[in-house]
Amino acid sequence: MKPTHVYEFSDGTTVTMDSGMPTRFVTHPLTRLNGGTKKHIILSRLVRQEWLDDLSEHERDESLSSFLQAGGSADAMTLEVRRKEADGAYRQYVLGRGEVADAAGGADVEIAVGEHSYRVAQNEVFTAEAAGTVFLHYLRHNEVPAGMSLRELVR
């Protein structure tokens, strides 16, 4: 079966997969994150079900422009989603559980991602197990689970 998604690891390795992948193939890599050399994983949906090398350059760029990413360690990571909105613009969000964190005062947990660190609210910190649920849902439904809060990143 041709792939529907591509998984990209912080070392540059990519793995193609389809939405029917066994759970462990999706969730296990999240348990290997250590915040240092293994610092992030990105899951992108391909614009059409095809081998990555068989997509045009434009299709590859479009495929890799929307994604779900995890950064940090298996014990404490942040999740972000980047998606194309109805107005055609791409926006990136930090995921959380419950209410959207106050960007000014709610960032109280530091997540190490390689040489950088990011401050997020407690409800925006995920373990590998919790992130695995979000990654599986994204793989199967091309969106984050209902009820997740989205705090827009303004760059």
Foldseek 3Di string as FASTA:
>chain_A
DFFFKWKAWLVGDIDGHALPDPLCVQQVLQQVDALASGFKMKMWTQPDRHHLVPDDPVRNVVRVQWIWMWGAHLAWIWIKTWDQDPVRDIWMWTKFAAEDADPVPQFDDWGRGHPDIDTDHPRRIDHSVRVSVQRSCCRNPVDGDPRIDTHTDDD
